[in-house]
Protein backbone atom coordinates (compact mmCIF):
# COMPACT_ATOMS: atom_id res chain seq x y z
CA MET A 1 -4.24 -40.18 -116.63
CA VAL A 2 -2.05 -43.31 -116.54
CA LEU A 3 1.34 -42.84 -114.93
CA CYS A 4 4.17 -45.33 -115.35
CA SER A 5 5.91 -46.42 -112.16
CA LEU A 6 9.49 -45.26 -111.79
CA SER A 7 10.25 -47.76 -109.04
CA GLY A 8 13.86 -48.87 -109.30
CA ASN A 9 14.60 -46.93 -112.49
CA ALA A 10 17.81 -45.11 -113.37
CA HIS A 11 16.45 -41.71 -112.46
CA GLY A 12 17.20 -42.12 -108.76
CA ALA A 13 15.14 -39.77 -106.59
CA LEU A 14 11.69 -38.87 -107.89
CA ASN A 15 11.90 -35.55 -109.74
CA VAL A 16 8.63 -33.62 -109.44
CA VAL A 17 8.48 -30.08 -110.86
CA VAL A 18 5.73 -27.80 -109.51
CA SER A 19 4.79 -24.45 -111.01
CA LEU A 20 3.53 -22.50 -107.97
CA LYS A 21 4.80 -22.12 -104.41
CA PRO A 22 1.58 -23.00 -102.49
CA VAL A 23 1.22 -26.31 -104.35
CA HIS A 24 4.96 -26.94 -104.08
CA SER A 25 4.52 -26.64 -100.31
CA LEU A 26 1.87 -29.36 -100.20
CA LEU A 27 4.06 -31.65 -102.30
CA ALA A 28 7.10 -30.89 -100.14
CA SER A 29 5.13 -32.23 -97.17
CA LEU A 30 3.98 -35.31 -99.07
CA MET A 31 7.49 -36.10 -100.33
CA GLN A 32 9.35 -35.65 -97.04
CA ASP A 33 11.95 -38.42 -96.48
CA VAL A 34 11.77 -39.36 -100.17
CA ALA A 35 12.75 -36.37 -102.34
CA GLU A 36 12.29 -32.62 -102.60
CA PRO A 37 10.03 -31.24 -105.35
CA ARG A 38 11.47 -28.52 -107.56
CA LEU A 39 9.76 -25.13 -107.79
CA LEU A 40 9.50 -23.87 -111.37
CA LEU A 41 8.72 -20.16 -110.95
CA ASP A 42 10.87 -17.78 -108.94
CA ASP A 43 9.56 -14.81 -106.97
CA SER A 44 10.28 -12.35 -109.79
CA GLN A 45 7.88 -14.16 -112.15
CA SER A 46 4.11 -13.84 -112.31
CA PRO A 47 2.17 -16.94 -113.38
CA HIS A 48 -0.07 -14.68 -115.45
CA ASP A 49 2.59 -13.47 -117.88
CA MET A 50 5.87 -15.21 -117.09
CA SER A 51 8.45 -16.16 -119.71
CA LEU A 52 10.41 -19.28 -118.83
CA LYS A 53 14.20 -19.18 -118.82
CA PRO A 54 16.15 -21.93 -120.66
CA SER A 55 17.09 -23.41 -117.27
CA GLN A 56 13.40 -23.69 -116.37
CA VAL A 57 12.58 -25.42 -119.65
CA ARG A 58 15.42 -27.87 -118.90
CA MET A 59 13.86 -28.45 -115.50
CA LEU A 60 10.62 -29.48 -117.21
CA ASN A 61 12.50 -31.73 -119.63
CA GLN A 62 14.19 -33.53 -116.72
CA ALA A 63 11.01 -34.03 -114.69
CA ASP A 64 9.31 -37.31 -113.81
CA LEU A 65 6.07 -35.42 -113.14
CA ILE A 66 5.00 -31.85 -113.96
CA VAL A 67 2.35 -30.35 -111.67
CA TRP A 68 0.58 -27.09 -112.47
CA VAL A 69 -2.80 -25.55 -111.71
CA GLY A 70 -4.56 -24.42 -114.87
CA PRO A 71 -4.71 -22.21 -117.98
CA THR A 72 -6.59 -19.21 -116.57
CA LEU A 73 -3.92 -18.61 -113.93
CA GLU A 74 -0.92 -19.80 -115.96
CA PRO A 75 -1.64 -19.01 -119.63
CA ALA A 76 2.01 -18.82 -120.71
CA LEU A 77 2.81 -22.19 -119.15
CA SER A 78 -0.35 -23.61 -120.69
CA HIS A 79 0.81 -22.56 -124.15
CA LEU A 80 4.27 -24.06 -123.56
CA LEU A 81 2.86 -27.37 -122.36
CA GLN A 82 0.62 -27.55 -125.44
CA ARG A 83 3.34 -26.46 -127.87
CA GLN A 84 6.29 -28.49 -126.62
CA SER A 85 6.47 -32.21 -125.97
CA PHE A 86 7.71 -33.34 -122.54
CA GLU A 87 8.41 -36.92 -121.52
CA ALA A 88 6.94 -36.49 -118.05
CA PRO A 89 3.21 -36.83 -117.39
CA ILE A 90 1.56 -33.45 -116.85
CA LEU A 91 -0.95 -33.05 -114.05
CA SER A 92 -3.31 -30.07 -113.95
CA LEU A 93 -4.75 -29.77 -110.47
CA LEU A 94 -8.06 -28.64 -111.96
CA GLU A 95 -8.49 -32.36 -112.69
CA THR A 96 -8.50 -33.16 -108.97
CA PRO A 97 -11.61 -35.12 -107.91
CA ASP A 98 -13.94 -33.51 -105.36
CA LEU A 99 -12.74 -29.94 -105.92
CA ASN A 100 -15.16 -27.12 -105.25
CA LEU A 101 -14.71 -25.11 -108.46
CA LEU A 102 -15.97 -21.54 -108.76
CA PRO A 103 -16.45 -19.51 -111.96
CA ILE A 104 -14.50 -16.33 -112.55
CA ARG A 105 -16.55 -13.35 -111.35
CA ASN A 106 -17.44 -10.56 -113.72
CA ARG A 107 -17.72 -6.87 -112.91
CA HIS A 108 -21.54 -6.99 -112.78
CA GLU A 109 -21.43 -9.40 -109.82
CA TRP A 110 -19.42 -6.84 -107.84
CA ARG A 111 -22.22 -4.30 -108.26
CA SER A 112 -24.79 -6.57 -106.62
CA HIS A 113 -25.38 -6.18 -102.92
CA GLY A 114 -25.15 -9.88 -102.12
CA HIS A 115 -22.00 -11.89 -101.65
CA PRO A 116 -20.34 -12.09 -105.06
CA HIS A 117 -19.23 -15.67 -104.36
CA ASP A 118 -22.82 -16.86 -103.85
CA HIS A 119 -23.19 -18.95 -107.01
CA GLY A 120 -25.74 -21.36 -105.64
CA ASP A 121 -25.22 -24.88 -106.94
CA SER A 122 -24.25 -23.85 -110.46
CA HIS A 123 -20.60 -24.85 -110.70
CA PRO A 124 -19.48 -25.07 -114.33
CA ASP A 125 -18.10 -28.30 -115.75
CA GLN A 126 -14.35 -27.66 -115.93
CA ALA A 127 -14.00 -30.08 -118.85
CA GLU A 128 -16.39 -27.96 -120.92
CA ILE A 129 -15.44 -24.39 -119.98
CA PRO A 130 -12.03 -24.31 -118.22
CA ALA A 131 -11.44 -20.70 -119.25
CA MET A 132 -14.37 -19.66 -117.04
CA LEU A 133 -12.93 -21.18 -113.84
CA ASP A 134 -11.15 -19.32 -111.07
CA ASN A 135 -7.83 -21.18 -110.72
CA HIS A 136 -6.82 -20.00 -107.22
CA ILE A 137 -8.09 -23.32 -105.88
CA TRP A 138 -5.50 -23.77 -103.09
CA LEU A 139 -7.02 -20.90 -101.07
CA SER A 140 -9.78 -23.25 -99.89
CA PRO A 141 -8.52 -25.73 -97.25
CA ASP A 142 -11.11 -28.22 -98.51
CA ASN A 143 -9.60 -27.98 -101.99
CA ALA A 144 -6.10 -28.27 -100.53
CA ALA A 145 -7.13 -31.52 -98.82
CA ALA A 146 -8.62 -32.85 -102.07
CA MET A 147 -5.38 -32.02 -103.89
CA VAL A 148 -3.32 -33.76 -101.19
CA ARG A 149 -5.35 -36.96 -101.65
CA HIS A 150 -5.05 -36.74 -105.44
CA LEU A 151 -1.31 -36.01 -105.38
CA THR A 152 -0.72 -38.86 -102.95
CA GLN A 153 -2.21 -41.33 -105.41
CA ARG A 154 -0.15 -39.91 -108.27
CA LEU A 155 3.08 -40.16 -106.26
CA ILE A 156 2.33 -43.77 -105.34
CA GLU A 157 1.67 -44.61 -109.00
CA LEU A 158 5.03 -43.09 -109.92
CA ASP A 159 7.06 -44.49 -107.02
CA ASP A 160 5.38 -47.42 -105.30
CA THR A 161 8.59 -48.26 -103.41
CA HIS A 162 7.86 -45.31 -101.11
CA SER A 163 4.09 -45.78 -101.00
CA GLU A 164 3.94 -46.21 -97.21
CA ILE A 165 5.91 -43.00 -96.65
CA PHE A 166 3.61 -41.11 -99.00
CA ARG A 167 0.55 -42.46 -97.20
CA LYS A 168 1.95 -41.58 -93.78
CA ASN A 169 2.89 -38.08 -94.93
CA SER A 170 -0.55 -37.67 -96.46
CA ARG A 171 -2.32 -38.62 -93.23
CA ASN A 172 -0.15 -36.21 -91.24
CA LEU A 173 -0.72 -33.39 -93.72
CA LEU A 174 -4.49 -33.91 -93.85
CA ASN A 175 -4.66 -33.86 -90.04
CA ARG A 176 -2.59 -30.67 -89.98
CA LEU A 177 -4.85 -29.04 -92.57
CA HIS A 178 -7.97 -29.94 -90.57
CA THR A 179 -6.62 -28.53 -87.31
CA PHE A 180 -5.29 -25.43 -89.04
CA ASP A 181 -8.62 -24.81 -90.77
CA ASP A 182 -10.42 -24.88 -87.42
CA GLU A 183 -7.93 -22.33 -86.05
CA LEU A 184 -8.42 -19.96 -88.98
CA SER A 185 -12.21 -20.30 -88.77
CA SER A 186 -12.14 -19.18 -85.15
CA GLN A 187 -9.68 -16.37 -85.90
CA LEU A 188 -11.74 -14.96 -88.78
CA LYS A 189 -15.20 -15.32 -87.24
CA PRO A 190 -15.21 -11.80 -85.69
CA ILE A 191 -14.71 -10.16 -89.11
CA ALA A 192 -16.99 -12.40 -91.19
CA ASN A 193 -19.18 -10.32 -93.53
CA THR A 194 -17.09 -7.16 -92.99
CA PRO A 195 -16.82 -5.43 -96.41
CA TYR A 196 -13.42 -4.80 -98.02
CA ILE A 197 -11.78 -4.42 -101.44
CA VAL A 198 -8.94 -6.50 -102.89
CA PHE A 199 -6.34 -5.60 -105.50
CA HIS A 200 -7.46 -8.28 -107.96
CA ASP A 201 -9.98 -11.08 -107.74
CA ALA A 202 -7.80 -13.90 -106.42
CA TYR A 203 -9.47 -14.75 -103.12
CA GLN A 204 -12.98 -16.02 -103.66
CA TYR A 205 -12.16 -19.59 -102.54
CA PHE A 206 -10.85 -18.18 -99.26
CA GLU A 207 -13.86 -15.85 -99.00
CA ALA A 208 -16.41 -18.58 -99.64
CA HIS A 209 -14.79 -20.96 -97.17
CA TYR A 210 -14.52 -18.44 -94.32
CA ASP A 211 -17.57 -16.29 -95.15
CA MET A 212 -15.53 -13.19 -95.93
CA HIS A 213 -17.08 -10.30 -97.84
CA THR A 214 -15.18 -8.69 -100.71
CA VAL A 215 -17.19 -5.93 -102.41
CA GLY A 216 -14.85 -4.95 -105.25
CA THR A 217 -11.43 -5.16 -106.89
CA VAL A 218 -8.93 -2.42 -107.68
CA ASN A 219 -7.93 -4.01 -110.99
CA ILE A 220 -10.49 -5.78 -113.14
CA SER A 221 -7.91 -8.51 -113.82
CA PRO A 222 -4.12 -8.89 -113.44
CA GLU A 223 -3.73 -8.01 -117.13
CA GLN A 224 -6.36 -5.21 -117.23
CA LEU A 225 -5.63 -2.05 -115.25
CA SER A 226 -8.43 0.15 -113.98
CA GLY A 227 -9.57 3.22 -115.86
CA ALA A 228 -11.01 6.45 -114.47
CA ARG A 229 -14.60 5.14 -114.61
CA HIS A 230 -13.73 2.06 -112.57
CA VAL A 231 -11.85 4.17 -110.01
CA HIS A 232 -14.90 6.42 -109.64
CA ARG A 233 -17.18 3.40 -109.14
CA LEU A 234 -14.83 1.96 -106.55
CA ARG A 235 -14.82 5.18 -104.57
CA GLN A 236 -18.62 5.10 -104.64
CA THR A 237 -18.56 1.47 -103.51
CA ILE A 238 -16.31 2.33 -100.58
CA LYS A 239 -18.78 4.98 -99.45
CA GLU A 240 -22.01 3.08 -100.14
CA ARG A 241 -20.94 -0.36 -98.91
CA GLY A 242 -18.84 0.82 -95.99
CA ALA A 243 -15.65 -0.95 -97.09
CA ARG A 244 -13.23 -0.84 -94.17
CA CYS A 245 -10.02 -1.74 -96.00
CA ILE A 246 -8.38 -1.89 -99.43
CA PHE A 247 -5.68 -4.52 -99.92
CA THR A 248 -2.65 -4.27 -102.19
CA GLU A 249 -0.39 -7.16 -103.26
CA PRO A 250 3.42 -7.31 -103.03
CA GLN A 251 3.97 -7.85 -106.76
CA PHE A 252 1.91 -4.83 -107.87
CA GLU A 253 2.50 -1.07 -107.64
CA PRO A 254 0.12 0.37 -104.98
CA LYS A 255 -0.11 3.93 -106.41
CA LEU A 256 -3.68 3.42 -107.59
CA VAL A 257 -4.71 2.33 -104.10
CA HIS A 258 -3.35 5.57 -102.64
CA THR A 259 -5.48 7.48 -105.18
CA LEU A 260 -8.55 5.45 -104.24
CA VAL A 261 -8.31 6.07 -100.51
CA GLU A 262 -7.60 9.80 -100.77
CA ASP A 263 -10.02 11.70 -98.47
CA LEU A 264 -11.88 8.47 -97.60
CA ALA A 265 -12.18 6.84 -94.18
CA VAL A 266 -10.67 3.50 -95.16
CA LYS A 267 -7.57 1.55 -94.15
CA THR A 268 -5.02 -0.17 -96.41
CA GLY A 269 -3.36 -3.55 -96.03
CA GLU A 270 -1.59 -6.21 -98.08
CA LEU A 271 -2.57 -9.73 -99.14
CA ASP A 272 -0.30 -12.25 -100.88
CA PRO A 273 -2.13 -15.17 -102.55
CA LEU A 274 1.05 -16.72 -104.01
CA GLY A 275 3.45 -16.50 -101.07
CA LYS A 276 5.84 -14.22 -102.95
CA GLN A 277 7.68 -13.23 -99.78
CA LEU A 278 7.72 -16.68 -98.18
CA THR A 279 10.40 -19.37 -98.12
CA PRO A 280 9.42 -22.48 -100.11
CA GLY A 281 8.91 -25.69 -98.18
CA PRO A 282 6.39 -27.74 -96.17
CA ASP A 283 5.37 -24.79 -93.95
CA CYS A 284 4.89 -22.30 -96.79
CA TYR A 285 1.22 -23.13 -97.45
CA PHE A 286 0.34 -22.65 -93.79
CA SER A 287 2.34 -19.41 -93.57
CA LEU A 288 0.53 -18.11 -96.66
CA MET A 289 -2.93 -18.86 -95.28
CA ARG A 290 -2.01 -17.56 -91.82
CA GLY A 291 -0.70 -14.37 -93.43
CA LEU A 292 -4.00 -13.82 -95.24
CA ALA A 293 -5.97 -14.33 -92.03
CA ASP A 294 -3.66 -12.13 -89.92
CA ASN A 295 -3.66 -9.27 -92.43
CA LEU A 296 -7.42 -9.40 -92.90
CA LEU A 297 -7.98 -9.37 -89.15
CA ASP A 298 -5.51 -6.54 -88.62
CA CYS A 299 -7.00 -4.30 -91.31
CA LEU A 300 -10.68 -5.06 -90.72
CA SER A 301 -10.53 -4.72 -86.95
CA GLY A 302 -10.05 -1.62 -84.85
CA GLU A 303 -10.64 2.03 -85.64
CA ILE A 304 -11.02 3.41 -89.16
CA PRO A 305 -8.99 6.58 -89.81
CA LYS A 306 -11.03 9.76 -89.97
């Protein structure tokens, strides 16, 4: 993708619009002392089925760069970007070089007794089958670092006047990510390979990176609620695989989880892959990842209720 430099143009400060809070956080760090990126979605909107307000469409029309993740996670935004013409270049982070991309898992993989994220070396070509890719790429610190390097180059191409600031911010952010990753690895090591169940399959990049062990999902997908047969299978999975915890998410109703755990010796917790309850900004990404690690450790450690 060729981006035209905006150095010295009439726009003033660089106007970058970012769809999701975790990616917005990385860009907020990169753009410190230059400009503040604008966050497209608010906390009441889900990337899976959101409908943009007129003010949000205006935000896209005014942008110098539009950054989003990909069509599997953000189908409504994908349709809008294809249907409507915007002056700004559009950057899908699935195009980031050196990403570790994982395919979306199907229900049959959850029934195997290996790690469902063990895909060997068969990573699909995102250019050929993007609909088969898991788009929650920021939940791997390695992917976050790759995105930081990619975004740094894009910012420099757009605004070379501030290239040294972008490079300095990038170095600082990459160092922070490396140190933080080491901290989380040490924190999560005691619960590696401990079986648990998540609300929907959003975490496999985190699982693969830290050797965590999800054995099932409450909902088959964010758009597809579980039926009675799936609930029965999940209860069997909890018993057979020894799942210690079931995790809800803040944007979904947890009633089904309460049904699942009835009469079973299993704990409940909450995971938030999007940072719904967090304040946007440079620290948001780190708070999100720390929250995942803390909540996993809290729920998977200690005594299981009888």
